[in-house]
């Protein structure tokens, strides 16, 4: 089995919202999120659940309950849309939903690259 390809969503201004969130984490929290991403690359989705509309939430049981929001673009590509905590879950899901819609619109129109 080949590893899952994981990319970060790039917004219209060229920013990577997931990277901005990830870079704001302390070292231990960042290591926990990095471990979760490695598991995802190995197709370990045991901590992942659908939040509707093609979006998924990867739950990390550490600290404030970190969450990583993503969507599949095909079977082997995962697009990271953002991250957050359980406390801000509803807001973070709404933002991820907006980013996923933007990704799909720009990808469909042949516009600027929507992931990296």
PDB file of N, CA and C in Angstrom:
ATOM      1  N   UNK A   1       0.835  -1.183   0.000  1.00  0.00           N
ATOM      2  CA  UNK A   1       0.000   0.000   0.000  1.00  0.00           C
ATOM      3  C   UNK A   1       0.882   1.249   0.000  1.00  0.00           C
ATOM      4  N   UNK A   2       0.570   2.178  -0.899  1.00  0.00           N
ATOM      5  CA  UNK A   2       1.359   3.400  -0.955  1.00  0.00           C
ATOM      6  C   UNK A   2       0.840   4.410   0.060  1.00  0.00           C
ATOM      7  N   UNK A   3       1.708   5.285   0.566  1.00  0.00           N
ATOM      8  CA  UNK A   3       1.266   6.269   1.559  1.00  0.00           C
ATOM      9  C   UNK A   3       0.242   7.231   0.967  1.00  0.00           C
ATOM     10  N   UNK A   4      -0.655   7.690   1.817  1.00  0.00           N
ATOM     11  CA  UNK A   4      -1.637   8.698   1.440  1.00  0.00           C
ATOM     12  C   UNK A   4      -0.881  10.004   1.195  1.00  0.00           C
ATOM     13  N   UNK A   5      -1.244  10.737   0.162  1.00  0.00           N
ATOM     14  CA  UNK A   5      -0.645  12.042  -0.088  1.00  0.00           C
ATOM     15  C   UNK A   5      -1.440  13.086   0.677  1.00  0.00           C
ATOM     16  N   UNK A   6      -0.759  13.901   1.456  1.00  0.00           N
ATOM     17  CA  UNK A   6      -1.403  14.920   2.271  1.00  0.00           C
ATOM     18  C   UNK A   6      -0.841  16.279   1.855  1.00  0.00           C
ATOM     19  N   UNK A   7      -1.743  17.192   1.486  1.00  0.00           N
ATOM     20  CA  UNK A   7      -1.361  18.529   1.057  1.00  0.00           C
ATOM     21  C   UNK A   7      -2.120  19.559   1.882  1.00  0.00           C
ATOM     22  N   UNK A   8      -1.607  20.770   1.884  1.00  0.00           N
ATOM     23  CA  UNK A   8      -2.267  21.861   2.585  1.00  0.00           C
ATOM     24  C   UNK A   8      -3.023  22.737   1.594  1.00  0.00           C
ATOM     25  N   UNK A   9      -4.225  23.112   1.972  1.00  0.00           N
ATOM     26  CA  UNK A   9      -5.015  24.078   1.207  1.00  0.00           C
ATOM     27  C   UNK A   9      -4.278  25.410   1.180  1.00  0.00           C
ATOM     28  N   UNK A  10      -4.292  26.077   0.022  1.00  0.00           N
ATOM     29  CA  UNK A  10      -3.713  27.403  -0.137  1.00  0.00           C
ATOM     30  C   UNK A  10      -4.847  28.357  -0.476  1.00  0.00           C
ATOM     31  N   UNK A  11      -5.013  29.411   0.321  1.00  0.00           N
ATOM     32  CA  UNK A  11      -6.125  30.335   0.078  1.00  0.00           C
ATOM     33  C   UNK A  11      -5.808  31.256  -1.105  1.00  0.00           C
ATOM     34  N   UNK A  12      -6.784  32.062  -1.548  1.00  0.00           N
ATOM     35  CA  UNK A  12      -6.559  32.915  -2.717  1.00  0.00           C
ATOM     36  C   UNK A  12      -5.393  33.904  -2.569  1.00  0.00           C
ATOM     37  N   UNK A  13      -5.038  34.250  -1.323  1.00  0.00           N
ATOM     38  CA  UNK A  13      -3.918  35.168  -1.083  1.00  0.00           C
ATOM     39  C   UNK A  13      -2.580  34.430  -1.002  1.00  0.00           C
ATOM     40  N   UNK A  14      -2.600  33.103  -1.191  1.00  0.00           N
ATOM     41  CA  UNK A  14      -1.360  32.325  -1.151  1.00  0.00           C
ATOM     42  C   UNK A  14      -0.965  31.847   0.235  1.00  0.00           C
ATOM     43  N   UNK A  15      -1.834  32.038   1.217  1.00  0.00           N
ATOM     44  CA  UNK A  15      -1.537  31.591   2.588  1.00  0.00           C
ATOM     45  C   UNK A  15      -1.979  30.146   2.776  1.00  0.00           C
ATOM     46  N   UNK A  16      -1.340  29.483   3.716  1.00  0.00           N
ATOM     47  CA  UNK A  16      -1.694  28.115   4.095  1.00  0.00           C
ATOM     48  C   UNK A  16      -2.266  28.160   5.512  1.00  0.00           C
ATOM     49  N   UNK A  17      -3.590  28.193   5.646  1.00  0.00           N
ATOM     50  CA  UNK A  17      -4.202  28.312   6.978  1.00  0.00           C
ATOM     51  C   UNK A  17      -3.806  27.198   7.945  1.00  0.00           C
ATOM     52  N   UNK A  18      -3.676  25.959   7.450  1.00  0.00           N
ATOM     53  CA  UNK A  18      -3.276  24.888   8.352  1.00  0.00           C
ATOM     54  C   UNK A  18      -1.882  25.167   8.901  1.00  0.00           C
ATOM     55  N   UNK A  19      -0.957  25.570   8.055  1.00  0.00           N
ATOM     56  CA  UNK A  19       0.420  25.836   8.486  1.00  0.00           C
ATOM     57  C   UNK A  19       0.454  26.968   9.500  1.00  0.00           C
ATOM     58  N   UNK A  20      -0.342  28.016   9.287  1.00  0.00           N
ATOM     59  CA  UNK A  20      -0.389  29.128  10.236  1.00  0.00           C
ATOM     60  C   UNK A  20      -0.853  28.643  11.607  1.00  0.00           C
ATOM     61  N   UNK A  21      -1.882  27.797  11.619  1.00  0.00           N
ATOM     62  CA  UNK A  21      -2.364  27.244  12.884  1.00  0.00           C
ATOM     63  C   UNK A  21      -1.301  26.345  13.512  1.00  0.00           C
ATOM     64  N   UNK A  22      -0.738  25.447  12.713  1.00  0.00           N
ATOM     65  CA  UNK A  22       0.262  24.505  13.209  1.00  0.00           C
ATOM     66  C   UNK A  22       1.467  25.239  13.811  1.00  0.00           C
ATOM     67  N   UNK A  23       1.928  26.267  13.136  1.00  0.00           N
ATOM     68  CA  UNK A  23       3.084  27.022  13.611  1.00  0.00           C
ATOM     69  C   UNK A  23       2.811  27.778  14.910  1.00  0.00           C
ATOM     70  N   UNK A  24       1.536  27.965  15.261  1.00  0.00           N
ATOM     71  CA  UNK A  24       1.200  28.661  16.507  1.00  0.00           C
ATOM     72  C   UNK A  24       1.201  27.719  17.719  1.00  0.00           C
ATOM     73  N   UNK A  25       1.296  26.408  17.470  1.00  0.00           N
ATOM     74  CA  UNK A  25       1.256  25.431  18.565  1.00  0.00           C
ATOM     75  C   UNK A  25       2.586  25.370  19.310  1.00  0.00           C
ATOM     76  N   UNK A  26       2.527  24.994  20.584  1.00  0.00           N
ATOM     77  CA  UNK A  26       3.766  24.757  21.320  1.00  0.00           C
ATOM     78  C   UNK A  26       4.388  23.457  20.800  1.00  0.00           C
ATOM     79  N   UNK A  27       5.629  23.219  21.170  1.00  0.00           N
ATOM     80  CA  UNK A  27       6.396  22.098  20.620  1.00  0.00           C
ATOM     81  C   UNK A  27       5.741  20.736  20.864  1.00  0.00           C
ATOM     82  N   UNK A  28       5.269  20.490  22.076  1.00  0.00           N
ATOM     83  CA  UNK A  28       4.661  19.195  22.401  1.00  0.00           C
ATOM     84  C   UNK A  28       3.362  18.995  21.614  1.00  0.00           C
ATOM     85  N   UNK A  29       2.531  20.022  21.553  1.00  0.00           N
ATOM     86  CA  UNK A  29       1.283  19.926  20.795  1.00  0.00           C
ATOM     87  C   UNK A  29       1.569  19.707  19.316  1.00  0.00           C
ATOM     88  N   UNK A  30       2.544  20.416  18.781  1.00  0.00           N
ATOM     89  CA  UNK A  30       2.911  20.252  17.373  1.00  0.00           C
ATOM     90  C   UNK A  30       3.370  18.818  17.096  1.00  0.00           C
ATOM     91  N   UNK A  31       4.099  18.225  18.023  1.00  0.00           N
ATOM     92  CA  UNK A  31       4.536  16.834  17.842  1.00  0.00           C
ATOM     93  C   UNK A  31       3.329  15.886  17.831  1.00  0.00           C
ATOM     94  N   UNK A  32       2.332  16.140  18.669  1.00  0.00           N
ATOM     95  CA  UNK A  32       1.119  15.310  18.683  1.00  0.00           C
ATOM     96  C   UNK A  32       0.372  15.417  17.347  1.00  0.00           C
ATOM     97  N   UNK A  33       0.272  16.636  16.815  1.00  0.00           N
ATOM     98  CA  UNK A  33      -0.401  16.835  15.531  1.00  0.00           C
ATOM     99  C   UNK A  33       0.410  16.174  14.421  1.00  0.00           C
ATOM    100  N   UNK A  34       1.721  16.321  14.455  1.00  0.00           N
ATOM    101  CA  UNK A  34       2.589  15.698  13.452  1.00  0.00           C
ATOM    102  C   UNK A  34       2.431  14.175  13.469  1.00  0.00           C
ATOM    103  N   UNK A  35       2.338  13.589  14.638  1.00  0.00           N
ATOM    104  CA  UNK A  35       2.115  12.138  14.751  1.00  0.00           C
ATOM    105  C   UNK A  35       0.782  11.758  14.118  1.00  0.00           C
ATOM    106  N   UNK A  36      -0.245  12.553  14.358  1.00  0.00           N
ATOM    107  CA  UNK A  36      -1.555  12.281  13.761  1.00  0.00           C
ATOM    108  C   UNK A  36      -1.471  12.344  12.234  1.00  0.00           C
ATOM    109  N   UNK A  37      -0.723  13.297  11.698  1.00  0.00           N
ATOM    110  CA  UNK A  37      -0.590  13.403  10.245  1.00  0.00           C
ATOM    111  C   UNK A  37       0.165  12.211   9.663  1.00  0.00           C
ATOM    112  N   UNK A  38       1.167  11.722  10.368  1.00  0.00           N
ATOM    113  CA  UNK A  38       1.890  10.523   9.899  1.00  0.00           C
ATOM    114  C   UNK A  38       0.955   9.318   9.880  1.00  0.00           C
ATOM    115  N   UNK A  39       0.109   9.213  10.890  1.00  0.00           N
ATOM    116  CA  UNK A  39      -0.881   8.122  10.910  1.00  0.00           C
ATOM    117  C   UNK A  39      -1.838   8.250   9.736  1.00  0.00           C
ATOM    118  N   UNK A  40      -2.254   9.462   9.448  1.00  0.00           N
ATOM    119  CA  UNK A  40      -3.137   9.701   8.319  1.00  0.00           C
ATOM    120  C   UNK A  40      -2.468   9.275   7.005  1.00  0.00           C
ATOM    121  N   UNK A  41      -1.205   9.610   6.849  1.00  0.00           N
ATOM    122  CA  UNK A  41      -0.463   9.202   5.645  1.00  0.00           C
ATOM    123  C   UNK A  41      -0.444   7.686   5.481  1.00  0.00           C
ATOM    124  N   UNK A  42      -0.492   6.976   6.598  1.00  0.00           N
ATOM    125  CA  UNK A  42      -0.507   5.505   6.566  1.00  0.00           C
ATOM    126  C   UNK A  42      -1.931   4.961   6.496  1.00  0.00           C
ATOM    127  N   UNK A  43      -2.882   5.842   6.230  1.00  0.00           N
ATOM    128  CA  UNK A  43      -4.304   5.507   6.090  1.00  0.00           C
ATOM    129  C   UNK A  43      -4.921   5.019   7.402  1.00  0.00           C
ATOM    130  N   UNK A  44      -4.365   5.467   8.523  1.00  0.00           N
ATOM    131  CA  UNK A  44      -4.945   5.169   9.830  1.00  0.00           C
ATOM    132  C   UNK A  44      -5.952   6.276  10.131  1.00  0.00           C
ATOM    133  N   UNK A  45      -7.205   5.975   9.909  1.00  0.00           N
ATOM    134  CA  UNK A  45      -8.262   6.968  10.084  1.00  0.00           C
ATOM    135  C   UNK A  45      -9.148   6.649  11.295  1.00  0.00           C
ATOM    136  N   UNK A  46      -8.598   5.938  12.251  1.00  0.00           N
ATOM    137  CA  UNK A  46      -9.383   5.524  13.414  1.00  0.00           C
ATOM    138  C   UNK A  46      -9.894   6.707  14.238  1.00  0.00           C
ATOM    139  N   UNK A  47      -9.210   7.846  14.204  1.00  0.00           N
ATOM    140  CA  UNK A  47      -9.639   9.015  14.969  1.00  0.00           C
ATOM    141  C   UNK A  47     -10.329  10.053  14.089  1.00  0.00           C
ATOM    142  N   UNK A  48     -10.770   9.640  12.912  1.00  0.00           N
ATOM    143  CA  UNK A  48     -11.367  10.568  11.968  1.00  0.00           C
ATOM    144  C   UNK A  48     -12.863  10.302  11.852  1.00  0.00           C
ATOM    145  N   UNK A  49     -13.630  11.385  11.754  1.00  0.00           N
ATOM    146  CA  UNK A  49     -15.068  11.224  11.545  1.00  0.00           C
ATOM    147  C   UNK A  49     -15.556  12.288  10.581  1.00  0.00           C
ATOM    148  N   UNK A  50     -16.615  11.964   9.872  1.00  0.00           N
ATOM    149  CA  UNK A  50     -17.232  12.897   8.935  1.00  0.00           C
ATOM    150  C   UNK A  50     -17.955  13.985   9.717  1.00  0.00           C
ATOM    151  N   UNK A  51     -17.833  15.214   9.236  1.00  0.00           N
ATOM    152  CA  UNK A  51     -18.605  16.322   9.810  1.00  0.00           C
ATOM    153  C   UNK A  51     -19.552  16.889   8.752  1.00  0.00           C
ATOM    154  N   UNK A  52     -19.743  16.138   7.664  1.00  0.00           N
ATOM    155  CA  UNK A  52     -20.699  16.502   6.626  1.00  0.00           C
ATOM    156  C   UNK A  52     -20.087  17.271   5.477  1.00  0.00           C
ATOM    157  N   UNK A  53     -20.734  17.185   4.333  1.00  0.00           N
ATOM    158  CA  UNK A  53     -20.310  17.948   3.163  1.00  0.00           C
ATOM    159  C   UNK A  53     -18.963  17.539   2.601  1.00  0.00           C
ATOM    160  N   UNK A  54     -18.547  16.306   2.859  1.00  0.00           N
ATOM    161  CA  UNK A  54     -17.243  15.849   2.365  1.00  0.00           C
ATOM    162  C   UNK A  54     -16.080  16.222   3.267  1.00  0.00           C
ATOM    163  N   UNK A  55     -16.363  16.835   4.413  1.00  0.00           N
ATOM    164  CA  UNK A  55     -15.322  17.238   5.363  1.00  0.00           C
ATOM    165  C   UNK A  55     -15.146  16.190   6.453  1.00  0.00           C
ATOM    166  N   UNK A  56     -13.916  16.125   6.953  1.00  0.00           N
ATOM    167  CA  UNK A  56     -13.592  15.192   8.027  1.00  0.00           C
ATOM    168  C   UNK A  56     -12.825  15.928   9.111  1.00  0.00           C
ATOM    169  N   UNK A  57     -12.970  15.394  10.314  1.00  0.00           N
ATOM    170  CA  UNK A  57     -12.289  15.927  11.487  1.00  0.00           C
ATOM    171  C   UNK A  57     -11.441  14.806  12.064  1.00  0.00           C
ATOM    172  N   UNK A  58     -10.145  15.051  12.198  1.00  0.00           N
ATOM    173  CA  UNK A  58      -9.244  14.095  12.837  1.00  0.00           C
ATOM    174  C   UNK A  58      -9.066  14.577  14.272  1.00  0.00           C
ATOM    175  N   UNK A  59      -9.518  13.775  15.221  1.00  0.00           N
ATOM    176  CA  UNK A  59      -9.471  14.149  16.641  1.00  0.00           C
ATOM    177  C   UNK A  59      -8.169  13.688  17.273  1.00  0.00           C
ATOM    178  N   UNK A  60      -7.563  14.591  18.029  1.00  0.00           N
ATOM    179  CA  UNK A  60      -6.327  14.294  18.743  1.00  0.00           C
ATOM    180  C   UNK A  60      -6.626  14.485  20.227  1.00  0.00           C
ATOM    181  N   UNK A  61      -6.631  13.398  20.953  1.00  0.00           N
ATOM    182  CA  UNK A  61      -6.960  13.442  22.378  1.00  0.00           C
ATOM    183  C   UNK A  61      -5.751  13.883  23.192  1.00  0.00           C
ATOM    184  N   UNK A  62      -5.520  15.191  23.152  1.00  0.00           N
ATOM    185  CA  UNK A  62      -4.402  15.778  23.880  1.00  0.00           C
ATOM    186  C   UNK A  62      -4.735  17.243  24.126  1.00  0.00           C
ATOM    187  N   UNK A  63      -4.308  17.748  25.271  1.00  0.00           N
ATOM    188  CA  UNK A  63      -4.506  19.166  25.579  1.00  0.00           C
ATOM    189  C   UNK A  63      -5.977  19.551  25.479  1.00  0.00           C
ATOM    190  N   UNK A  64      -6.265  20.622  24.720  1.00  0.00           N
ATOM    191  CA  UNK A  64      -7.647  21.091  24.617  1.00  0.00           C
ATOM    192  C   UNK A  64      -8.495  20.286  23.629  1.00  0.00           C
ATOM    193  N   UNK A  65      -7.990  19.165  23.175  1.00  0.00           N
ATOM    194  CA  UNK A  65      -8.726  18.355  22.198  1.00  0.00           C
ATOM    195  C   UNK A  65      -8.530  18.896  20.802  1.00  0.00           C
ATOM    196  N   UNK A  66      -7.313  18.788  20.298  1.00  0.00           N
ATOM    197  CA  UNK A  66      -6.998  19.323  18.978  1.00  0.00           C
ATOM    198  C   UNK A  66      -7.779  18.611  17.891  1.00  0.00           C
ATOM    199  N   UNK A  67      -8.080  19.361  16.828  1.00  0.00           N
ATOM    200  CA  UNK A  67      -8.790  18.858  15.665  1.00  0.00           C
ATOM    201  C   UNK A  67      -8.048  19.306  14.411  1.00  0.00           C
ATOM    202  N   UNK A  68      -8.013  18.426  13.415  1.00  0.00           N
ATOM    203  CA  UNK A  68      -7.483  18.772  12.099  1.00  0.00           C
ATOM    204  C   UNK A  68      -8.616  18.541  11.114  1.00  0.00           C
ATOM    205  N   UNK A  69      -8.896  19.547  10.286  1.00  0.00           N
ATOM    206  CA  UNK A  69      -9.997  19.469   9.324  1.00  0.00           C
ATOM    207  C   UNK A  69      -9.439  19.242   7.928  1.00  0.00           C
ATOM    208  N   UNK A  70     -10.102  18.321   7.202  1.00  0.00           N
ATOM    209  CA  UNK A  70      -9.578  17.904   5.904  1.00  0.00           C
ATOM    210  C   UNK A  70     -10.704  17.414   5.018  1.00  0.00           C
ATOM    211  N   UNK A  71     -10.359  17.194   3.758  1.00  0.00           N
ATOM    212  CA  UNK A  71     -11.279  16.596   2.790  1.00  0.00           C
ATOM    213  C   UNK A  71     -10.444  15.796   1.801  1.00  0.00           C
ATOM    214  N   UNK A  72     -11.071  14.807   1.202  1.00  0.00           N
ATOM    215  CA  UNK A  72     -10.397  13.997   0.188  1.00  0.00           C
ATOM    216  C   UNK A  72     -10.612  14.606  -1.186  1.00  0.00           C
ATOM    217  N   UNK A  73      -9.563  14.622  -1.979  1.00  0.00           N
ATOM    218  CA  UNK A  73      -9.642  14.963  -3.389  1.00  0.00           C
ATOM    219  C   UNK A  73      -9.159  13.720  -4.124  1.00  0.00           C
ATOM    220  N   UNK A  74     -10.061  12.805  -4.373  1.00  0.00           N
ATOM    221  CA  UNK A  74      -9.683  11.490  -4.873  1.00  0.00           C
ATOM    222  C   UNK A  74      -9.425  10.561  -3.701  1.00  0.00           C
ATOM    223  N   UNK A  75      -8.908   9.399  -3.966  1.00  0.00           N
ATOM    224  CA  UNK A  75      -8.695   8.411  -2.898  1.00  0.00           C
ATOM    225  C   UNK A  75      -7.364   8.584  -2.184  1.00  0.00           C
ATOM    226  N   UNK A  76      -6.372   9.088  -2.865  1.00  0.00           N
ATOM    227  CA  UNK A  76      -5.039   9.133  -2.272  1.00  0.00           C
ATOM    228  C   UNK A  76      -4.549  10.536  -1.934  1.00  0.00           C
ATOM    229  N   UNK A  77      -5.412  11.541  -2.041  1.00  0.00           N
ATOM    230  CA  UNK A  77      -4.990  12.905  -1.724  1.00  0.00           C
ATOM    231  C   UNK A  77      -5.911  13.476  -0.657  1.00  0.00           C
ATOM    232  N   UNK A  78      -5.317  13.969   0.409  1.00  0.00           N
ATOM    233  CA  UNK A  78      -6.054  14.619   1.487  1.00  0.00           C
ATOM    234  C   UNK A  78      -5.622  16.079   1.518  1.00  0.00           C
ATOM    235  N   UNK A  79      -6.582  16.966   1.596  1.00  0.00           N
ATOM    236  CA  UNK A  79      -6.304  18.396   1.655  1.00  0.00           C
ATOM    237  C   UNK A  79      -6.561  18.878   3.082  1.00  0.00           C
ATOM    238  N   UNK A  80      -5.521  19.389   3.739  1.00  0.00           N
ATOM    239  CA  UNK A  80      -5.654  19.926   5.096  1.00  0.00           C
ATOM    240  C   UNK A  80      -6.221  21.336   5.005  1.00  0.00           C
ATOM    241  N   UNK A  81      -7.368  21.552   5.633  1.00  0.00           N
ATOM    242  CA  UNK A  81      -8.068  22.830   5.536  1.00  0.00           C
ATOM    243  C   UNK A  81      -7.864  23.717   6.757  1.00  0.00           C
ATOM    244  N   UNK A  82      -7.448  23.145   7.867  1.00  0.00           N
ATOM    245  CA  UNK A  82      -7.232  23.941   9.069  1.00  0.00           C
ATOM    246  C   UNK A  82      -7.176  23.073  10.300  1.00  0.00           C
ATOM    247  N   UNK A  83      -7.023  23.725  11.424  1.00  0.00           N
ATOM    248  CA  UNK A  83      -6.956  23.029  12.695  1.00  0.00           C
ATOM    249  C   UNK A  83      -7.612  23.860  13.774  1.00  0.00           C
ATOM    250  N   UNK A  84      -7.820  23.250  14.922  1.00  0.00           N
ATOM    251  CA  UNK A  84      -8.435  23.968  16.025  1.00  0.00           C
ATOM    252  C   UNK A  84      -8.538  23.095  17.254  1.00  0.00           C
ATOM    253  N   UNK A  85      -9.473  23.460  18.112  1.00  0.00           N
ATOM    254  CA  UNK A  85      -9.693  22.721  19.353  1.00  0.00           C
ATOM    255  C   UNK A  85     -11.175  22.401  19.500  1.00  0.00           C
ATOM    256  N   UNK A  86     -11.469  21.498  20.406  1.00  0.00           N
ATOM    257  CA  UNK A  86     -12.860  21.105  20.652  1.00  0.00           C
ATOM    258  C   UNK A  86     -13.709  22.318  21.010  1.00  0.00           C
ATOM    259  N   UNK A  87     -13.163  23.238  21.778  1.00  0.00           N
ATOM    260  CA  UNK A  87     -13.900  24.410  22.238  1.00  0.00           C
ATOM    261  C   UNK A  87     -14.406  25.263  21.071  1.00  0.00           C
ATOM    262  N   UNK A  88     -13.638  25.351  19.991  1.00  0.00           N
ATOM    263  CA  UNK A  88     -13.999  26.190  18.843  1.00  0.00           C
ATOM    264  C   UNK A  88     -14.463  25.352  17.656  1.00  0.00           C
ATOM    265  N   UNK A  89     -14.875  24.140  17.917  1.00  0.00           N
ATOM    266  CA  UNK A  89     -15.182  23.149  16.890  1.00  0.00           C
ATOM    267  C   UNK A  89     -16.199  23.635  15.855  1.00  0.00           C
ATOM    268  N   UNK A  90     -17.330  24.174  16.294  1.00  0.00           N
ATOM    269  CA  UNK A  90     -18.365  24.597  15.345  1.00  0.00           C
ATOM    270  C   UNK A  90     -17.853  25.686  14.409  1.00  0.00           C
ATOM    271  N   UNK A  91     -17.159  26.646  14.962  1.00  0.00           N
ATOM    272  CA  UNK A  91     -16.608  27.732  14.141  1.00  0.00           C
ATOM    273  C   UNK A  91     -15.555  27.199  13.182  1.00  0.00           C
ATOM    274  N   UNK A  92     -14.683  26.332  13.677  1.00  0.00           N
ATOM    275  CA  UNK A  92     -13.623  25.775  12.834  1.00  0.00           C
ATOM    276  C   UNK A  92     -14.192  24.929  11.695  1.00  0.00           C
ATOM    277  N   UNK A  93     -15.253  24.195  11.960  1.00  0.00           N
ATOM    278  CA  UNK A  93     -15.889  23.397  10.906  1.00  0.00           C
ATOM    279  C   UNK A  93     -16.479  24.317   9.847  1.00  0.00           C
ATOM    280  N   UNK A  94     -17.121  25.408  10.266  1.00  0.00           N
ATOM    281  CA  UNK A  94     -17.702  26.355   9.308  1.00  0.00           C
ATOM    282  C   UNK A  94     -16.616  26.968   8.419  1.00  0.00           C
ATOM    283  N   UNK A  95     -15.484  27.304   9.018  1.00  0.00           N
ATOM    284  CA  UNK A  95     -14.367  27.865   8.246  1.00  0.00           C
ATOM    285  C   UNK A  95     -13.808  26.825   7.283  1.00  0.00           C
ATOM    286  N   UNK A  96     -13.649  25.594   7.747  1.00  0.00           N
ATOM    287  CA  UNK A  96     -13.152  24.520   6.876  1.00  0.00           C
ATOM    288  C   UNK A  96     -14.113  24.297   5.715  1.00  0.00           C
ATOM    289  N   UNK A  97     -15.409  24.393   5.971  1.00  0.00           N
ATOM    290  CA  UNK A  97     -16.416  24.220   4.922  1.00  0.00           C
ATOM    291  C   UNK A  97     -16.262  25.316   3.858  1.00  0.00           C
ATOM    292  N   UNK A  98     -16.033  26.557   4.290  1.00  0.00           N
ATOM    293  CA  UNK A  98     -15.800  27.659   3.347  1.00  0.00           C
ATOM    294  C   UNK A  98     -14.546  27.401   2.514  1.00  0.00           C
ATOM    295  N   UNK A  99     -13.488  26.965   3.155  1.00  0.00           N
ATOM    296  CA  UNK A  99     -12.232  26.697   2.437  1.00  0.00           C
ATOM    297  C   UNK A  99     -12.395  25.558   1.442  1.00  0.00           C
ATOM    298  N   UNK A 100     -13.133  24.532   1.819  1.00  0.00           N
ATOM    299  CA  UNK A 100     -13.363  23.398   0.917  1.00  0.00           C
ATOM    300  C   UNK A 100     -14.149  23.870  -0.309  1.00  0.00           C
ATOM    301  N   UNK A 101     -15.158  24.703  -0.096  1.00  0.00           N
ATOM    302  CA  UNK A 101     -15.915  25.253  -1.217  1.00  0.00           C
ATOM    303  C   UNK A 101     -15.032  26.086  -2.132  1.00  0.00           C
ATOM    304  N   UNK A 102     -14.161  26.907  -1.539  1.00  0.00           N
ATOM    305  CA  UNK A 102     -13.230  27.711  -2.331  1.00  0.00           C
ATOM    306  C   UNK A 102     -12.283  26.816  -3.118  1.00  0.00           C
ATOM    307  N   UNK A 103     -11.759  25.804  -2.470  1.00  0.00           N
ATOM    308  CA  UNK A 103     -10.852  24.856  -3.138  1.00  0.00           C
ATOM    309  C   UNK A 103     -11.531  24.245  -4.363  1.00  0.00           C
ATOM    310  N   UNK A 104     -12.750  23.768  -4.178  1.00  0.00           N
ATOM    311  CA  UNK A 104     -13.458  23.107  -5.272  1.00  0.00           C
ATOM    312  C   UNK A 104     -13.770  24.076  -6.413  1.00  0.00           C
ATOM    313  N   UNK A 105     -14.197  25.310  -6.085  1.00  0.00           N
ATOM    314  CA  UNK A 105     -14.488  26.305  -7.123  1.00  0.00           C
ATOM    315  C   UNK A 105     -13.234  26.640  -7.927  1.00  0.00           C
ATOM    316  N   UNK A 106     -12.139  26.933  -7.228  1.00  0.00           N
ATOM    317  CA  UNK A 106     -10.912  27.331  -7.938  1.00  0.00           C
ATOM    318  C   UNK A 106     -10.309  26.173  -8.706  1.00  0.00           C
ATOM    319  N   UNK A 107     -10.377  24.985  -8.169  1.00  0.00           N
ATOM    320  CA  UNK A 107      -9.857  23.819  -8.887  1.00  0.00           C
ATOM    321  C   UNK A 107     -10.658  23.593 -10.166  1.00  0.00           C
ATOM    322  N   UNK A 108     -11.979  23.716 -10.058  1.00  0.00           N
ATOM    323  CA  UNK A 108     -12.854  23.507 -11.206  1.00  0.00           C
ATOM    324  C   UNK A 108     -12.705  24.554 -12.287  1.00  0.00           C
ATOM    325  N   UNK A 109     -12.303  25.781 -11.894  1.00  0.00           N
ATOM    326  CA  UNK A 109     -12.184  26.859 -12.873  1.00  0.00           C
ATOM    327  C   UNK A 109     -10.798  26.925 -13.501  1.00  0.00           C
ATOM    328  N   UNK A 110      -9.902  26.061 -13.051  1.00  0.00           N
ATOM    329  CA  UNK A 110      -8.539  26.097 -13.577  1.00  0.00           C
ATOM    330  C   UNK A 110      -7.753  27.291 -13.069  1.00  0.00           C
ATOM    331  N   UNK A 111      -8.200  27.870 -11.963  1.00  0.00           N
ATOM    332  CA  UNK A 111      -7.555  29.043 -11.389  1.00  0.00           C
ATOM    333  C   UNK A 111      -6.229  28.702 -10.735  1.00  0.00           C
ATOM    334  N   UNK A 112      -5.750  29.595  -9.865  1.00  0.00           N
ATOM    335  CA  UNK A 112      -4.464  29.366  -9.184  1.00  0.00           C
ATOM    336  C   UNK A 112      -4.458  28.063  -8.400  1.00  0.00           C
ATOM    337  N   UNK A 113      -3.285  27.510  -8.230  1.00  0.00           N
ATOM    338  CA  UNK A 113      -3.140  26.258  -7.493  1.00  0.00           C
ATOM    339  C   UNK A 113      -3.780  26.382  -6.115  1.00  0.00           C
ATOM    340  N   UNK A 114      -4.555  25.380  -5.755  1.00  0.00           N
ATOM    341  CA  UNK A 114      -5.330  25.437  -4.515  1.00  0.00           C
ATOM    342  C   UNK A 114      -4.727  24.597  -3.396  1.00  0.00           C
ATOM    343  N   UNK A 115      -3.609  23.932  -3.661  1.00  0.00           N
ATOM    344  CA  UNK A 115      -2.967  23.126  -2.631  1.00  0.00           C
ATOM    345  C   UNK A 115      -1.476  23.075  -2.900  1.00  0.00           C
ATOM    346  N   UNK A 116      -0.758  22.715  -1.857  1.00  0.00           N
ATOM    347  CA  UNK A 116       0.694  22.578  -1.961  1.00  0.00           C
ATOM    348  C   UNK A 116       1.147  21.539  -0.964  1.00  0.00           C
TER     349      UNK A 116
END
